[in-house]
Amino acid sequence: CTPTPIKSNVSGPVTITASVPNDNGANSGYGSGSFNNGSNGGTGFQPWVVAQTGGTGGSFSGSSDIGVAWGVWSGGGTSYAVRPFATPLSIGNTVNFSFDNGGVNSGNKVGIRLRNATGQTLTEFRFIGGATEYSIADGTGTTDTGFAFTNTGMSISIAYTAANTYSIAITKSGVVTLLNARSFSTAAGGQIPAEIEFFNQNAGNGSSFNVFMNNLSIGYP
């Protein structure tokens, strides 16, 4: 068929700018290894909430298998870092990030959580020491993912697909493990994701047990 010409009344170049929330551990907000409560870099997020309960632990930014990343360590307690989104997610949004854990002592746990605006957990992706693969705990139940333990990092995307529903894709060396049609846990504060947390629940002493997160972004349809 004959192409149809399209005319425009715009006399100059048009620039469309979209601000996509994104941040990484090498940004200027985390200079000289600093990653603390109130740290803030990138764009489209609120400042980090970083804390530690029980035993010893802390936070830092440093080198990892996923680049210069945010890190938490623990020596007997739980260290965690929460990043509130500027606004809660809308259906169709995807949260993307890199995750890297070291060793995990038997019975202890590392992972990430999506939480609602009141801090209640909607889904938890985790590795429990002594297991052979990562698992998910959410409104659907507790499920082994089929993704085997690694201490060299991975990429994760969590897609908010419908009301109370999501999918998660875990990528390592070009191989994608996909879990569809998962349900968020029922929570008094609602089932809309509003923040992300990564945590180190007493994985073990020493740098080989550190937990890292990096390259955080939110995609839009």
Protein backbone atom coordinates (compact mmCIF):
# COMPACT_ATOMS: atom_id res chain seq x y z
CA CYS A 1 0.00 0.00 0.00
CA THR A 2 1.01 3.62 -0.41
CA PRO A 3 2.43 5.23 2.72
CA THR A 4 0.27 8.02 4.15
CA PRO A 5 2.20 11.24 4.80
CA ILE A 6 1.85 12.74 8.27
CA LYS A 7 2.18 16.48 8.78
CA SER A 8 3.07 18.26 11.98
CA ASN A 9 2.63 21.88 13.00
CA VAL A 10 5.63 21.71 15.35
CA SER A 11 8.32 23.99 13.96
CA GLY A 12 11.28 22.77 16.09
CA PRO A 13 12.63 19.61 17.69
CA VAL A 14 10.52 17.93 20.35
CA THR A 15 12.17 16.51 23.47
CA ILE A 16 10.25 14.09 25.67
CA THR A 17 11.77 13.61 29.09
CA ALA A 18 10.66 10.88 31.47
CA SER A 19 12.06 10.62 34.97
CA VAL A 20 12.44 6.95 35.78
CA PRO A 21 13.20 6.25 39.45
CA ASN A 22 16.69 4.79 39.64
CA ASP A 23 19.67 4.59 41.96
CA ASN A 24 22.86 2.60 42.48
CA GLY A 25 25.58 2.29 45.09
CA ALA A 26 28.12 4.26 43.04
CA ASN A 27 26.02 7.45 43.04
CA SER A 28 27.22 10.57 44.81
CA GLY A 29 24.95 10.07 47.82
CA TYR A 30 27.14 7.19 49.02
CA GLY A 31 30.67 8.57 48.94
CA SER A 32 33.64 6.95 50.68
CA GLY A 33 31.79 3.78 51.58
CA SER A 34 29.01 5.65 53.37
CA PHE A 35 25.56 4.04 53.47
CA ASN A 36 23.58 5.06 56.54
CA ASN A 37 20.10 5.84 57.77
CA GLY A 38 18.94 8.86 55.74
CA SER A 39 21.34 8.27 52.83
CA ASN A 40 19.83 9.32 49.51
CA GLY A 41 21.06 9.14 45.93
CA GLY A 42 19.61 8.79 42.46
CA THR A 43 16.11 10.02 41.70
CA GLY A 44 12.52 9.03 42.40
CA PHE A 45 12.93 7.55 45.88
CA GLN A 46 12.72 8.70 49.46
CA PRO A 47 15.83 8.42 51.69
CA TRP A 48 16.93 5.02 52.97
CA VAL A 49 15.84 3.76 56.37
CA VAL A 50 18.75 1.69 57.67
CA ALA A 51 18.72 -0.08 61.04
CA GLN A 52 20.01 -3.05 63.02
CA THR A 53 18.38 -5.05 65.80
CA GLY A 54 20.02 -7.46 68.24
CA GLY A 55 23.64 -8.56 68.29
CA THR A 56 25.97 -6.53 66.10
CA GLY A 57 25.66 -5.36 62.51
CA GLY A 58 25.76 -2.38 60.22
CA SER A 59 25.68 -0.97 56.72
CA PHE A 60 28.18 0.27 54.13
CA SER A 61 28.69 0.71 50.40
CA GLY A 62 31.40 -1.29 48.70
CA SER A 63 32.50 -3.65 45.96
CA SER A 64 30.52 -6.81 45.25
CA ASP A 65 29.70 -9.16 42.39
CA ILE A 66 27.00 -6.67 41.33
CA GLY A 67 29.26 -3.62 41.33
CA VAL A 68 29.70 -0.92 43.95
CA ALA A 69 26.59 -1.66 45.97
CA TRP A 70 24.73 -1.03 49.22
CA GLY A 71 25.66 -3.61 51.82
CA VAL A 72 24.54 -4.87 55.23
CA TRP A 73 26.43 -7.14 57.60
CA SER A 74 25.32 -8.94 60.73
CA GLY A 75 27.07 -10.55 63.65
CA GLY A 76 24.22 -12.03 65.63
CA GLY A 77 21.25 -9.78 64.89
CA THR A 78 19.36 -8.50 61.85
CA SER A 79 20.59 -5.63 59.68
CA TYR A 80 18.21 -4.20 57.10
CA ALA A 81 17.77 -1.29 54.70
CA VAL A 82 14.39 -0.05 53.44
CA ARG A 83 13.91 2.21 50.41
CA PRO A 84 10.48 3.89 50.28
CA PHE A 85 9.25 4.73 46.80
CA ALA A 86 8.32 8.35 46.09
CA THR A 87 4.78 7.07 45.46
CA PRO A 88 3.34 3.56 45.83
CA LEU A 89 3.44 1.33 42.76
CA SER A 90 0.70 1.30 40.17
CA ILE A 91 -0.46 -1.83 38.36
CA GLY A 92 1.95 -2.36 35.47
CA ASN A 93 5.03 -1.09 37.33
CA THR A 94 8.10 -3.29 37.63
CA VAL A 95 10.73 -3.05 40.38
CA ASN A 96 14.18 -4.03 39.12
CA PHE A 97 17.37 -4.55 41.14
CA SER A 98 20.48 -6.65 41.62
CA PHE A 99 20.98 -8.83 44.69
CA ASP A 100 24.08 -10.57 46.00
CA ASN A 101 24.51 -12.65 49.12
CA GLY A 102 27.45 -14.48 50.58
CA GLY A 103 27.27 -17.57 52.74
CA VAL A 104 24.33 -18.16 55.08
CA ASN A 105 24.69 -20.20 58.24
CA SER A 106 22.16 -22.97 58.82
CA GLY A 107 18.71 -21.71 59.86
CA ASN A 108 19.53 -18.05 59.28
CA LYS A 109 18.19 -15.94 56.44
CA VAL A 110 18.94 -13.26 53.84
CA GLY A 111 16.70 -11.73 51.21
CA ILE A 112 14.41 -8.93 50.07
CA ARG A 113 10.86 -7.90 50.88
CA LEU A 114 8.28 -5.75 49.15
CA ARG A 115 6.28 -3.91 51.82
CA ASN A 116 3.20 -1.70 51.93
CA ALA A 117 3.16 1.91 53.14
CA THR A 118 2.84 0.83 56.78
CA GLY A 119 5.85 -1.49 56.56
CA GLN A 120 3.99 -4.80 56.39
CA THR A 121 5.55 -7.49 54.22
CA LEU A 122 3.69 -8.40 51.01
CA THR A 123 6.25 -10.84 49.64
CA GLU A 124 9.62 -12.15 50.75
CA PHE A 125 12.30 -13.61 48.47
CA ARG A 126 14.92 -15.31 50.63
CA PHE A 127 17.57 -17.91 51.13
CA ILE A 128 17.54 -19.89 54.37
CA GLY A 129 20.83 -21.44 55.42
CA GLY A 130 20.85 -25.19 54.88
CA ALA A 131 18.50 -25.06 51.88
CA THR A 132 19.62 -25.68 48.30
CA GLU A 133 17.49 -23.03 46.57
CA TYR A 134 15.81 -19.69 47.18
CA SER A 135 12.18 -19.57 48.23
CA ILE A 136 9.26 -17.13 48.29
CA ALA A 137 6.77 -16.51 51.10
CA ASP A 138 3.63 -14.55 50.17
CA GLY A 139 -0.15 -14.82 49.99
CA THR A 140 0.12 -17.84 47.69
CA GLY A 141 2.17 -19.71 50.28
CA THR A 142 5.79 -20.74 50.67
CA THR A 143 7.32 -21.94 47.41
CA ASP A 144 10.78 -23.12 46.39
CA THR A 145 11.77 -21.15 43.30
CA GLY A 146 13.96 -23.73 41.59
CA PHE A 147 16.73 -21.12 41.57
CA ALA A 148 19.77 -22.70 43.22
CA PHE A 149 21.99 -20.99 45.78
CA THR A 150 24.63 -18.63 44.41
CA ASN A 151 27.09 -16.24 46.02
CA THR A 152 27.93 -14.37 42.81
CA GLY A 153 24.81 -12.23 42.37
CA MET A 154 21.61 -12.13 40.33
CA SER A 155 19.12 -9.70 38.75
CA ILE A 156 15.51 -9.64 39.92
CA SER A 157 12.39 -8.03 38.45
CA ILE A 158 9.08 -7.94 40.31
CA ALA A 159 6.10 -6.97 38.14
CA TYR A 160 2.89 -5.66 39.72
CA THR A 161 0.54 -7.37 37.28
CA ALA A 162 -2.95 -6.92 38.76
CA ALA A 163 -4.64 -6.06 42.04
CA ASN A 164 -2.83 -8.05 44.77
CA THR A 165 -0.95 -10.04 42.11
CA TYR A 166 2.65 -10.08 40.89
CA SER A 167 5.28 -12.08 39.05
CA ILE A 168 8.98 -12.41 39.79
CA ALA A 169 11.82 -13.07 37.33
CA ILE A 170 15.28 -14.06 38.58
CA THR A 171 18.12 -13.86 36.05
CA LYS A 172 21.60 -15.38 36.29
CA SER A 173 24.03 -15.73 33.36
CA GLY A 174 21.22 -15.12 30.87
CA VAL A 175 18.97 -17.84 32.31
CA VAL A 176 15.60 -16.60 33.63
CA THR A 177 13.58 -18.31 36.37
CA LEU A 178 10.01 -16.96 36.24
CA LEU A 179 7.20 -17.40 38.76
CA ASN A 180 3.84 -16.03 37.60
CA ALA A 181 0.47 -15.35 39.23
CA ARG A 182 1.73 -14.90 42.77
CA SER A 183 -0.50 -13.20 45.36
CA PHE A 184 0.64 -10.60 47.87
CA SER A 185 0.09 -11.43 51.53
CA THR A 186 -3.06 -10.00 53.09
CA ALA A 187 -2.14 -7.03 55.28
CA ALA A 188 -4.13 -4.50 57.32
CA GLY A 189 -2.26 -1.68 55.58
CA GLY A 190 -3.26 -2.89 52.12
CA GLN A 191 -1.60 -4.85 49.32
CA ILE A 192 -0.05 -2.02 47.30
CA PRO A 193 3.78 -2.11 47.30
CA ALA A 194 5.29 1.12 48.59
CA GLU A 195 8.87 0.22 49.59
CA ILE A 196 11.55 -2.43 49.26
CA GLU A 197 13.77 -3.89 51.97
CA PHE A 198 16.89 -6.04 51.83
CA PHE A 199 18.08 -7.76 54.96
CA ASN A 200 20.76 -9.90 56.58
CA GLN A 201 19.32 -11.97 59.43
CA ASN A 202 22.47 -13.23 61.12
CA ALA A 203 23.94 -14.84 58.00
CA GLY A 204 27.30 -15.14 59.74
CA ASN A 205 30.40 -13.27 60.85
CA GLY A 206 32.85 -11.84 58.34
CA SER A 207 32.77 -10.21 54.93
CA SER A 208 31.99 -13.51 53.16
CA PHE A 209 28.49 -13.32 54.73
CA ASN A 210 27.63 -9.77 53.59
CA VAL A 211 24.44 -9.03 51.64
CA PHE A 212 24.29 -6.49 48.80
CA MET A 213 21.67 -4.73 46.68
CA ASN A 214 22.25 -2.45 43.68
CA ASN A 215 20.83 -0.95 40.47
CA LEU A 216 17.37 -0.20 41.86
CA SER A 217 14.82 1.15 39.39
CA ILE A 218 11.09 1.24 38.76
CA GLY A 219 9.84 0.64 35.24
CA TYR A 220 6.67 2.08 33.77
CA PRO A 221 4.40 0.71 31.03
